[in-house]
C-alpha cells in the first residue's frame, strides 16, 4: 500500500530541492556536504522522510513545516465535526502569512458569524442534526486560532450570489453583511471584495478555492479546492 506523504512534508521537500538545485548541487553533492546517504536527501525532498527543525539552519517557514507539533492543534479536539483529512489544511492555515479565498456560493468560514455558520451546518447533509451546534462553534474556534497569530493577512473574494442567498433568513444575513462591512473597515489585514453578477464568466467559476502563502521562501504555498472528496489533501505549488 502506497502512503502519500503529508502535504507539509511535500512542501518542505520541494522547497529544499529548489534550494539545492539553485546552488547547482546534485543529490550526490549534497550528500557529500551533509555526510549522509543520497537516499536520505531524496526521501526528504519527496516528503517520504521528515527532517528535524534543528537541521534547518535558516528559513523560519521551513522550520515551521518540519516541526512535528504542527500536525497537532485545535482541530484535534473537534475532529468528530470536521471533514476527514482537514487537519492537514488547518495546520497550514494557521502558519500562512497570506490567505487568499474565492467562494461564489457562501461566505468563507474565516468571516462567518455564529448564526450564519449554524445555518450552513444545518444545510450540510454531512453534518448530523445533533452536531450542528458544535460544527458552528468549531468555525468560531478556527477563526480565533487564525487571528491569534501576530502576522498574516486575509484576502477574500465573494460571489454576489453568496450575499443574496438567504442563509438562515434575513436577520442572519443582516448580521453577516454587517460583519463583513465592519471587518473591511476596521482591519487593515483583511480585504473583502465582491464579484458581481454583471462580471459575467470568469476564471474562478468553479470554486471555492483557497491559496495559502507561507512567509519566507519565494513560491512556497499551497492551493486547496473546496468540495474535494474525503481524504484529499491540499496540493503544494
C-alpha atoms as a PDB file:
ATOM      1  CA  UNK A   1       0.000   0.000   0.000  1.00  0.00           C
ATOM      2  CA  UNK A   2       1.435   3.356  -1.060  1.00  0.00           C
ATOM      3  CA  UNK A   3       1.050   6.106   1.525  1.00  0.00           C
ATOM      4  CA  UNK A   4       1.029   9.694   0.274  1.00  0.00           C
ATOM      5  CA  UNK A   5       3.326  11.860   2.426  1.00  0.00           C
ATOM      6  CA  UNK A   6       1.683  14.735   4.353  1.00  0.00           C
ATOM      7  CA  UNK A   7       1.425  17.905   2.310  1.00  0.00           C
ATOM      8  CA  UNK A   8       3.592  19.817   4.822  1.00  0.00           C
ATOM      9  CA  UNK A   9       6.457  17.391   4.178  1.00  0.00           C
ATOM     10  CA  UNK A  10       5.993  17.633   0.419  1.00  0.00           C
ATOM     11  CA  UNK A  11       6.058  21.432   0.574  1.00  0.00           C
ATOM     12  CA  UNK A  12       9.190  21.363   2.715  1.00  0.00           C
ATOM     13  CA  UNK A  13      10.895  18.821   0.459  1.00  0.00           C
ATOM     14  CA  UNK A  14      10.052  20.769  -2.691  1.00  0.00           C
ATOM     15  CA  UNK A  15      11.478  23.965  -1.184  1.00  0.00           C
ATOM     16  CA  UNK A  16      14.674  22.179  -0.129  1.00  0.00           C
ATOM     17  CA  UNK A  17      15.042  20.632  -3.580  1.00  0.00           C
ATOM     18  CA  UNK A  18      14.687  24.054  -5.253  1.00  0.00           C
ATOM     19  CA  UNK A  19      17.280  25.477  -2.863  1.00  0.00           C
ATOM     20  CA  UNK A  20      19.720  22.628  -3.604  1.00  0.00           C
ATOM     21  CA  UNK A  21      19.246  22.999  -7.352  1.00  0.00           C
ATOM     22  CA  UNK A  22      19.688  26.787  -7.159  1.00  0.00           C
ATOM     23  CA  UNK A  23      23.158  26.128  -5.721  1.00  0.00           C
ATOM     24  CA  UNK A  24      23.946  23.770  -8.595  1.00  0.00           C
ATOM     25  CA  UNK A  25      24.234  20.764  -6.278  1.00  0.00           C
ATOM     26  CA  UNK A  26      23.318  17.240  -7.351  1.00  0.00           C
ATOM     27  CA  UNK A  27      21.964  14.775  -4.788  1.00  0.00           C
ATOM     28  CA  UNK A  28      25.476  13.288  -4.589  1.00  0.00           C
ATOM     29  CA  UNK A  29      26.987  16.749  -3.925  1.00  0.00           C
ATOM     30  CA  UNK A  30      24.517  17.465  -1.129  1.00  0.00           C
ATOM     31  CA  UNK A  31      25.061  14.029   0.403  1.00  0.00           C
ATOM     32  CA  UNK A  32      28.812  14.587   0.446  1.00  0.00           C
ATOM     33  CA  UNK A  33      28.463  18.034   2.083  1.00  0.00           C
ATOM     34  CA  UNK A  34      25.997  16.782   4.700  1.00  0.00           C
ATOM     35  CA  UNK A  35      27.829  13.493   5.273  1.00  0.00           C
ATOM     36  CA  UNK A  36      24.765  11.337   4.698  1.00  0.00           C
ATOM     37  CA  UNK A  37      23.350   8.932   2.155  1.00  0.00           C
ATOM     38  CA  UNK A  38      21.969  10.181  -1.151  1.00  0.00           C
ATOM     39  CA  UNK A  39      18.782   8.234  -0.455  1.00  0.00           C
ATOM     40  CA  UNK A  40      18.173  10.197   2.742  1.00  0.00           C
ATOM     41  CA  UNK A  41      18.168  13.500   0.896  1.00  0.00           C
ATOM     42  CA  UNK A  42      15.998  12.071  -1.868  1.00  0.00           C
ATOM     43  CA  UNK A  43      13.408  10.845   0.643  1.00  0.00           C
ATOM     44  CA  UNK A  44      13.380  14.210   2.435  1.00  0.00           C
ATOM     45  CA  UNK A  45      12.857  16.050  -0.852  1.00  0.00           C
ATOM     46  CA  UNK A  46       9.942  13.795  -1.843  1.00  0.00           C
ATOM     47  CA  UNK A  47       8.358  14.100   1.595  1.00  0.00           C
ATOM     48  CA  UNK A  48       8.783  10.440   2.498  1.00  0.00           C
ATOM     49  CA  UNK A  49      11.111  11.298   5.367  1.00  0.00           C
ATOM     50  CA  UNK A  50      10.911  14.124   7.869  1.00  0.00           C
ATOM     51  CA  UNK A  51      13.673  16.461   8.951  1.00  0.00           C
ATOM     52  CA  UNK A  52      14.227  17.919  12.402  1.00  0.00           C
ATOM     53  CA  UNK A  53      13.747  21.696  12.697  1.00  0.00           C
ATOM     54  CA  UNK A  54      17.220  21.933  14.204  1.00  0.00           C
ATOM     55  CA  UNK A  55      18.708  20.590  10.966  1.00  0.00           C
ATOM     56  CA  UNK A  56      17.429  23.646   9.117  1.00  0.00           C
ATOM     57  CA  UNK A  57      19.907  26.463   9.521  1.00  0.00           C
ATOM     58  CA  UNK A  58      17.608  29.162   8.120  1.00  0.00           C
ATOM     59  CA  UNK A  59      14.113  29.940   6.893  1.00  0.00           C
ATOM     60  CA  UNK A  60      11.539  30.164   9.646  1.00  0.00           C
ATOM     61  CA  UNK A  61       8.750  28.884   7.390  1.00  0.00           C
ATOM     62  CA  UNK A  62      10.677  25.701   6.588  1.00  0.00           C
ATOM     63  CA  UNK A  63      11.330  25.080  10.268  1.00  0.00           C
ATOM     64  CA  UNK A  64       7.628  25.505  10.994  1.00  0.00           C
ATOM     65  CA  UNK A  65       6.740  22.938   8.327  1.00  0.00           C
ATOM     66  CA  UNK A  66       9.275  20.478   9.723  1.00  0.00           C
ATOM     67  CA  UNK A  67       8.063  20.822  13.312  1.00  0.00           C
ATOM     68  CA  UNK A  68       6.013  17.677  14.167  1.00  0.00           C
ATOM     69  CA  UNK A  69       3.925  19.776  16.562  1.00  0.00           C
ATOM     70  CA  UNK A  70       2.407  21.494  13.515  1.00  0.00           C
ATOM     71  CA  UNK A  71       0.242  18.419  12.976  1.00  0.00           C
ATOM     72  CA  UNK A  72      -1.375  18.966  16.364  1.00  0.00           C
ATOM     73  CA  UNK A  73      -3.733  21.828  17.065  1.00  0.00           C
ATOM     74  CA  UNK A  74      -7.229  22.935  17.988  1.00  0.00           C
ATOM     75  CA  UNK A  75      -8.748  20.757  15.265  1.00  0.00           C
ATOM     76  CA  UNK A  76      -7.839  17.534  17.088  1.00  0.00           C
ATOM     77  CA  UNK A  77     -10.439  18.181  19.779  1.00  0.00           C
ATOM     78  CA  UNK A  78     -13.034  18.842  17.078  1.00  0.00           C
ATOM     79  CA  UNK A  79     -12.210  16.004  14.692  1.00  0.00           C
ATOM     80  CA  UNK A  80     -15.681  14.476  15.021  1.00  0.00           C
ATOM     81  CA  UNK A  81     -17.330  17.513  13.389  1.00  0.00           C
ATOM     82  CA  UNK A  82     -14.610  18.346  10.850  1.00  0.00           C
ATOM     83  CA  UNK A  83     -14.251  16.868   7.342  1.00  0.00           C
ATOM     84  CA  UNK A  84     -11.872  13.949   7.041  1.00  0.00           C
ATOM     85  CA  UNK A  85      -8.245  14.969   6.395  1.00  0.00           C
ATOM     86  CA  UNK A  86      -8.986  18.623   7.216  1.00  0.00           C
ATOM     87  CA  UNK A  87      -6.255  18.715   9.867  1.00  0.00           C
ATOM     88  CA  UNK A  88      -3.524  18.985   7.236  1.00  0.00           C
ATOM     89  CA  UNK A  89      -5.179  22.031   5.705  1.00  0.00           C
ATOM     90  CA  UNK A  90      -5.908  23.698   9.048  1.00  0.00           C
ATOM     91  CA  UNK A  91      -2.294  23.208  10.176  1.00  0.00           C
ATOM     92  CA  UNK A  92      -1.155  25.136   7.105  1.00  0.00           C
ATOM     93  CA  UNK A  93      -3.824  27.789   7.565  1.00  0.00           C
ATOM     94  CA  UNK A  94      -2.519  28.843  10.976  1.00  0.00           C
ATOM     95  CA  UNK A  95       1.032  29.054   9.543  1.00  0.00           C
ATOM     96  CA  UNK A  96       0.118  31.060   6.446  1.00  0.00           C
ATOM     97  CA  UNK A  97       1.303  34.633   6.102  1.00  0.00           C
ATOM     98  CA  UNK A  98      -1.356  35.275   3.476  1.00  0.00           C
ATOM     99  CA  UNK A  99      -4.650  33.506   2.785  1.00  0.00           C
ATOM    100  CA  UNK A 100      -6.455  34.168  -0.498  1.00  0.00           C
ATOM    101  CA  UNK A 101     -10.030  32.881  -0.763  1.00  0.00           C
ATOM    102  CA  UNK A 102     -12.574  32.754  -3.543  1.00  0.00           C
ATOM    103  CA  UNK A 103     -16.087  31.459  -2.848  1.00  0.00           C
ATOM    104  CA  UNK A 104     -19.069  32.106  -5.055  1.00  0.00           C
ATOM    105  CA  UNK A 105     -21.631  30.205  -3.000  1.00  0.00           C
ATOM    106  CA  UNK A 106     -21.177  31.166   0.638  1.00  0.00           C
ATOM    107  CA  UNK A 107     -19.297  33.453   2.998  1.00  0.00           C
ATOM    108  CA  UNK A 108     -15.895  31.862   3.756  1.00  0.00           C
ATOM    109  CA  UNK A 109     -15.577  30.258   7.189  1.00  0.00           C
ATOM    110  CA  UNK A 110     -12.967  32.715   8.459  1.00  0.00           C
ATOM    111  CA  UNK A 111     -15.533  35.526   8.193  1.00  0.00           C
ATOM    112  CA  UNK A 112     -18.768  33.775   9.145  1.00  0.00           C
ATOM    113  CA  UNK A 113     -20.875  34.851  12.111  1.00  0.00           C
ATOM    114  CA  UNK A 114     -22.093  32.205  14.544  1.00  0.00           C
ATOM    115  CA  UNK A 115     -25.701  32.205  13.223  1.00  0.00           C
ATOM    116  CA  UNK A 116     -24.514  32.016   9.609  1.00  0.00           C
ATOM    117  CA  UNK A 117     -22.179  29.118  10.475  1.00  0.00           C
ATOM    118  CA  UNK A 118     -25.084  27.319  12.153  1.00  0.00           C
ATOM    119  CA  UNK A 119     -27.277  27.844   9.082  1.00  0.00           C
ATOM    120  CA  UNK A 120     -24.517  26.469   6.855  1.00  0.00           C
ATOM    121  CA  UNK A 121     -24.087  23.429   9.118  1.00  0.00           C
ATOM    122  CA  UNK A 122     -27.851  22.843   9.130  1.00  0.00           C
ATOM    123  CA  UNK A 123     -27.894  22.772   5.325  1.00  0.00           C
ATOM    124  CA  UNK A 124     -24.976  20.343   5.083  1.00  0.00           C
ATOM    125  CA  UNK A 125     -26.209  16.749   4.745  1.00  0.00           C
ATOM    126  CA  UNK A 126     -22.867  15.503   6.066  1.00  0.00           C
ATOM    127  CA  UNK A 127     -23.477  17.176   9.468  1.00  0.00           C
ATOM    128  CA  UNK A 128     -25.874  15.244  11.741  1.00  0.00           C
ATOM    129  CA  UNK A 129     -28.580  17.334  13.398  1.00  0.00           C
ATOM    130  CA  UNK A 130     -27.102  16.612  16.825  1.00  0.00           C
ATOM    131  CA  UNK A 131     -23.719  18.030  15.744  1.00  0.00           C
ATOM    132  CA  UNK A 132     -24.837  21.313  14.202  1.00  0.00           C
ATOM    133  CA  UNK A 133     -24.195  23.446  17.287  1.00  0.00           C
ATOM    134  CA  UNK A 134     -20.677  22.070  17.675  1.00  0.00           C
ATOM    135  CA  UNK A 135     -19.974  22.433  13.972  1.00  0.00           C
ATOM    136  CA  UNK A 136     -20.871  26.129  14.180  1.00  0.00           C
ATOM    137  CA  UNK A 137     -18.771  26.562  17.326  1.00  0.00           C
ATOM    138  CA  UNK A 138     -15.828  24.946  15.542  1.00  0.00           C
ATOM    139  CA  UNK A 139     -15.994  27.628  12.845  1.00  0.00           C
ATOM    140  CA  UNK A 140     -15.565  30.287  15.538  1.00  0.00           C
ATOM    141  CA  UNK A 141     -12.713  28.375  17.196  1.00  0.00           C
ATOM    142  CA  UNK A 142     -10.998  28.217  13.813  1.00  0.00           C
ATOM    143  CA  UNK A 143     -11.334  31.998  13.474  1.00  0.00           C
ATOM    144  CA  UNK A 144      -9.858  32.568  16.937  1.00  0.00           C
ATOM    145  CA  UNK A 145      -6.854  30.381  16.101  1.00  0.00           C
ATOM    146  CA  UNK A 146      -6.294  32.209  12.820  1.00  0.00           C
ATOM    147  CA  UNK A 147      -6.490  35.719  14.273  1.00  0.00           C
ATOM    148  CA  UNK A 148      -4.436  34.870  17.354  1.00  0.00           C
ATOM    149  CA  UNK A 149      -1.303  34.980  15.199  1.00  0.00           C
ATOM    150  CA  UNK A 150       0.894  38.064  15.205  1.00  0.00           C
ATOM    151  CA  UNK A 151       1.194  38.353  11.432  1.00  0.00           C
ATOM    152  CA  UNK A 152      -0.873  37.370   8.449  1.00  0.00           C
ATOM    153  CA  UNK A 153      -3.492  38.758   6.135  1.00  0.00           C
ATOM    154  CA  UNK A 154      -6.708  37.555   4.559  1.00  0.00           C
ATOM    155  CA  UNK A 155      -7.936  38.474   1.086  1.00  0.00           C
ATOM    156  CA  UNK A 156     -11.431  37.265   0.212  1.00  0.00           C
ATOM    157  CA  UNK A 157     -13.456  37.495  -2.999  1.00  0.00           C
ATOM    158  CA  UNK A 158     -17.104  36.507  -2.542  1.00  0.00           C
ATOM    159  CA  UNK A 159     -19.565  35.953  -5.363  1.00  0.00           C
ATOM    160  CA  UNK A 160     -22.618  38.214  -5.293  1.00  0.00           C
ATOM    161  CA  UNK A 161     -24.824  35.129  -5.138  1.00  0.00           C
ATOM    162  CA  UNK A 162     -23.382  34.195  -1.750  1.00  0.00           C
ATOM    163  CA  UNK A 163     -24.530  37.513  -0.330  1.00  0.00           C
ATOM    164  CA  UNK A 164     -28.005  37.304  -1.828  1.00  0.00           C
ATOM    165  CA  UNK A 165     -28.635  33.737  -0.682  1.00  0.00           C
ATOM    166  CA  UNK A 166     -30.750  33.965   2.482  1.00  0.00           C
ATOM    167  CA  UNK A 167     -28.794  31.503   4.604  1.00  0.00           C
ATOM    168  CA  UNK A 168     -30.644  31.329   7.912  1.00  0.00           C
ATOM    169  CA  UNK A 169     -33.085  34.075   6.918  1.00  0.00           C
ATOM    170  CA  UNK A 170     -32.928  37.835   6.517  1.00  0.00           C
ATOM    171  CA  UNK A 171     -31.942  38.542  10.133  1.00  0.00           C
ATOM    172  CA  UNK A 172     -28.962  36.203   9.939  1.00  0.00           C
ATOM    173  CA  UNK A 173     -27.903  37.746   6.636  1.00  0.00           C
ATOM    174  CA  UNK A 174     -28.140  41.281   8.022  1.00  0.00           C
ATOM    175  CA  UNK A 175     -25.787  40.298  10.808  1.00  0.00           C
ATOM    176  CA  UNK A 176     -23.437  38.569   8.372  1.00  0.00           C
ATOM    177  CA  UNK A 177     -23.310  41.514   5.982  1.00  0.00           C
ATOM    178  CA  UNK A 178     -22.690  43.866   8.900  1.00  0.00           C
ATOM    179  CA  UNK A 179     -19.800  41.653   9.985  1.00  0.00           C
ATOM    180  CA  UNK A 180     -18.217  41.782   6.529  1.00  0.00           C
ATOM    181  CA  UNK A 181     -18.569  45.560   6.392  1.00  0.00           C
ATOM    182  CA  UNK A 182     -17.098  46.011   9.872  1.00  0.00           C
ATOM    183  CA  UNK A 183     -14.131  43.730   9.218  1.00  0.00           C
ATOM    184  CA  UNK A 184     -13.363  45.500   5.934  1.00  0.00           C
ATOM    185  CA  UNK A 185     -13.404  48.886   7.636  1.00  0.00           C
ATOM    186  CA  UNK A 186     -11.683  48.037  10.912  1.00  0.00           C
ATOM    187  CA  UNK A 187      -8.918  45.610   9.906  1.00  0.00           C
ATOM    188  CA  UNK A 188      -6.074  46.635   7.637  1.00  0.00           C
ATOM    189  CA  UNK A 189      -5.061  42.984   7.284  1.00  0.00           C
ATOM    190  CA  UNK A 190      -8.390  41.956   5.725  1.00  0.00           C
ATOM    191  CA  UNK A 191      -9.587  42.711   2.212  1.00  0.00           C
ATOM    192  CA  UNK A 192     -13.134  41.749   1.210  1.00  0.00           C
ATOM    193  CA  UNK A 193     -14.243  42.099  -2.403  1.00  0.00           C
ATOM    194  CA  UNK A 194     -17.464  41.093  -4.164  1.00  0.00           C
ATOM    195  CA  UNK A 195     -17.631  39.654  -7.664  1.00  0.00           C
ATOM    196  CA  UNK A 196     -20.923  40.991  -9.139  1.00  0.00           C
ATOM    197  CA  UNK A 197     -23.248  39.065 -11.415  1.00  0.00           C
ATOM    198  CA  UNK A 198     -22.558  41.639 -14.118  1.00  0.00           C
ATOM    199  CA  UNK A 199     -18.926  40.479 -14.389  1.00  0.00           C
ATOM    200  CA  UNK A 200     -20.121  37.523 -16.451  1.00  0.00           C
ATOM    201  CA  UNK A 201     -17.962  34.436 -16.966  1.00  0.00           C
ATOM    202  CA  UNK A 202     -14.707  34.340 -15.023  1.00  0.00           C
ATOM    203  CA  UNK A 203     -11.793  32.044 -14.354  1.00  0.00           C
ATOM    204  CA  UNK A 204     -12.987  31.010 -10.876  1.00  0.00           C
ATOM    205  CA  UNK A 205     -16.467  29.939 -11.960  1.00  0.00           C
ATOM    206  CA  UNK A 206     -15.881  26.532 -10.351  1.00  0.00           C
ATOM    207  CA  UNK A 207     -14.934  27.139  -6.728  1.00  0.00           C
ATOM    208  CA  UNK A 208     -14.295  27.578  -3.904  1.00  0.00           C
ATOM    209  CA  UNK A 209     -10.522  27.973  -3.992  1.00  0.00           C
ATOM    210  CA  UNK A 210      -8.100  28.875  -1.199  1.00  0.00           C
ATOM    211  CA  UNK A 211      -4.419  29.705  -1.667  1.00  0.00           C
ATOM    212  CA  UNK A 212      -2.121  29.736   1.363  1.00  0.00           C
ATOM    213  CA  UNK A 213       1.241  31.510   1.151  1.00  0.00           C
ATOM    214  CA  UNK A 214       3.884  30.974   3.816  1.00  0.00           C
ATOM    215  CA  UNK A 215       6.423  33.601   4.775  1.00  0.00           C
ATOM    216  CA  UNK A 216       9.984  33.039   3.646  1.00  0.00           C
ATOM    217  CA  UNK A 217      10.980  31.151   0.511  1.00  0.00           C
ATOM    218  CA  UNK A 218       9.518  32.627  -2.672  1.00  0.00           C
ATOM    219  CA  UNK A 219       6.762  30.497  -4.124  1.00  0.00           C
ATOM    220  CA  UNK A 220       6.189  28.357  -1.029  1.00  0.00           C
ATOM    221  CA  UNK A 221       2.447  27.948  -0.985  1.00  0.00           C
ATOM    222  CA  UNK A 222      -0.446  25.561  -1.375  1.00  0.00           C
ATOM    223  CA  UNK A 223      -3.799  25.620  -3.173  1.00  0.00           C
ATOM    224  CA  UNK A 224      -6.899  23.938  -1.774  1.00  0.00           C
ATOM    225  CA  UNK A 225     -10.005  23.255  -3.839  1.00  0.00           C
ATOM    226  CA  UNK A 226     -13.227  23.054  -1.833  1.00  0.00           C
ATOM    227  CA  UNK A 227     -15.558  20.155  -2.412  1.00  0.00           C
ATOM    228  CA  UNK A 228     -12.816  17.564  -2.804  1.00  0.00           C
ATOM    229  CA  UNK A 229     -13.757  14.045  -1.670  1.00  0.00           C
ATOM    230  CA  UNK A 230     -12.816  12.898   1.858  1.00  0.00           C
ATOM    231  CA  UNK A 231      -9.152  12.074   2.208  1.00  0.00           C
ATOM    232  CA  UNK A 232      -7.987  14.608  -0.376  1.00  0.00           C
ATOM    233  CA  UNK A 233      -5.139  16.913   0.565  1.00  0.00           C
ATOM    234  CA  UNK A 234      -4.070  20.409  -0.427  1.00  0.00           C
ATOM    235  CA  UNK A 235      -1.623  20.464  -3.327  1.00  0.00           C
ATOM    236  CA  UNK A 236       1.713  22.263  -2.893  1.00  0.00           C
ATOM    237  CA  UNK A 237       2.819  24.680  -5.563  1.00  0.00           C
END
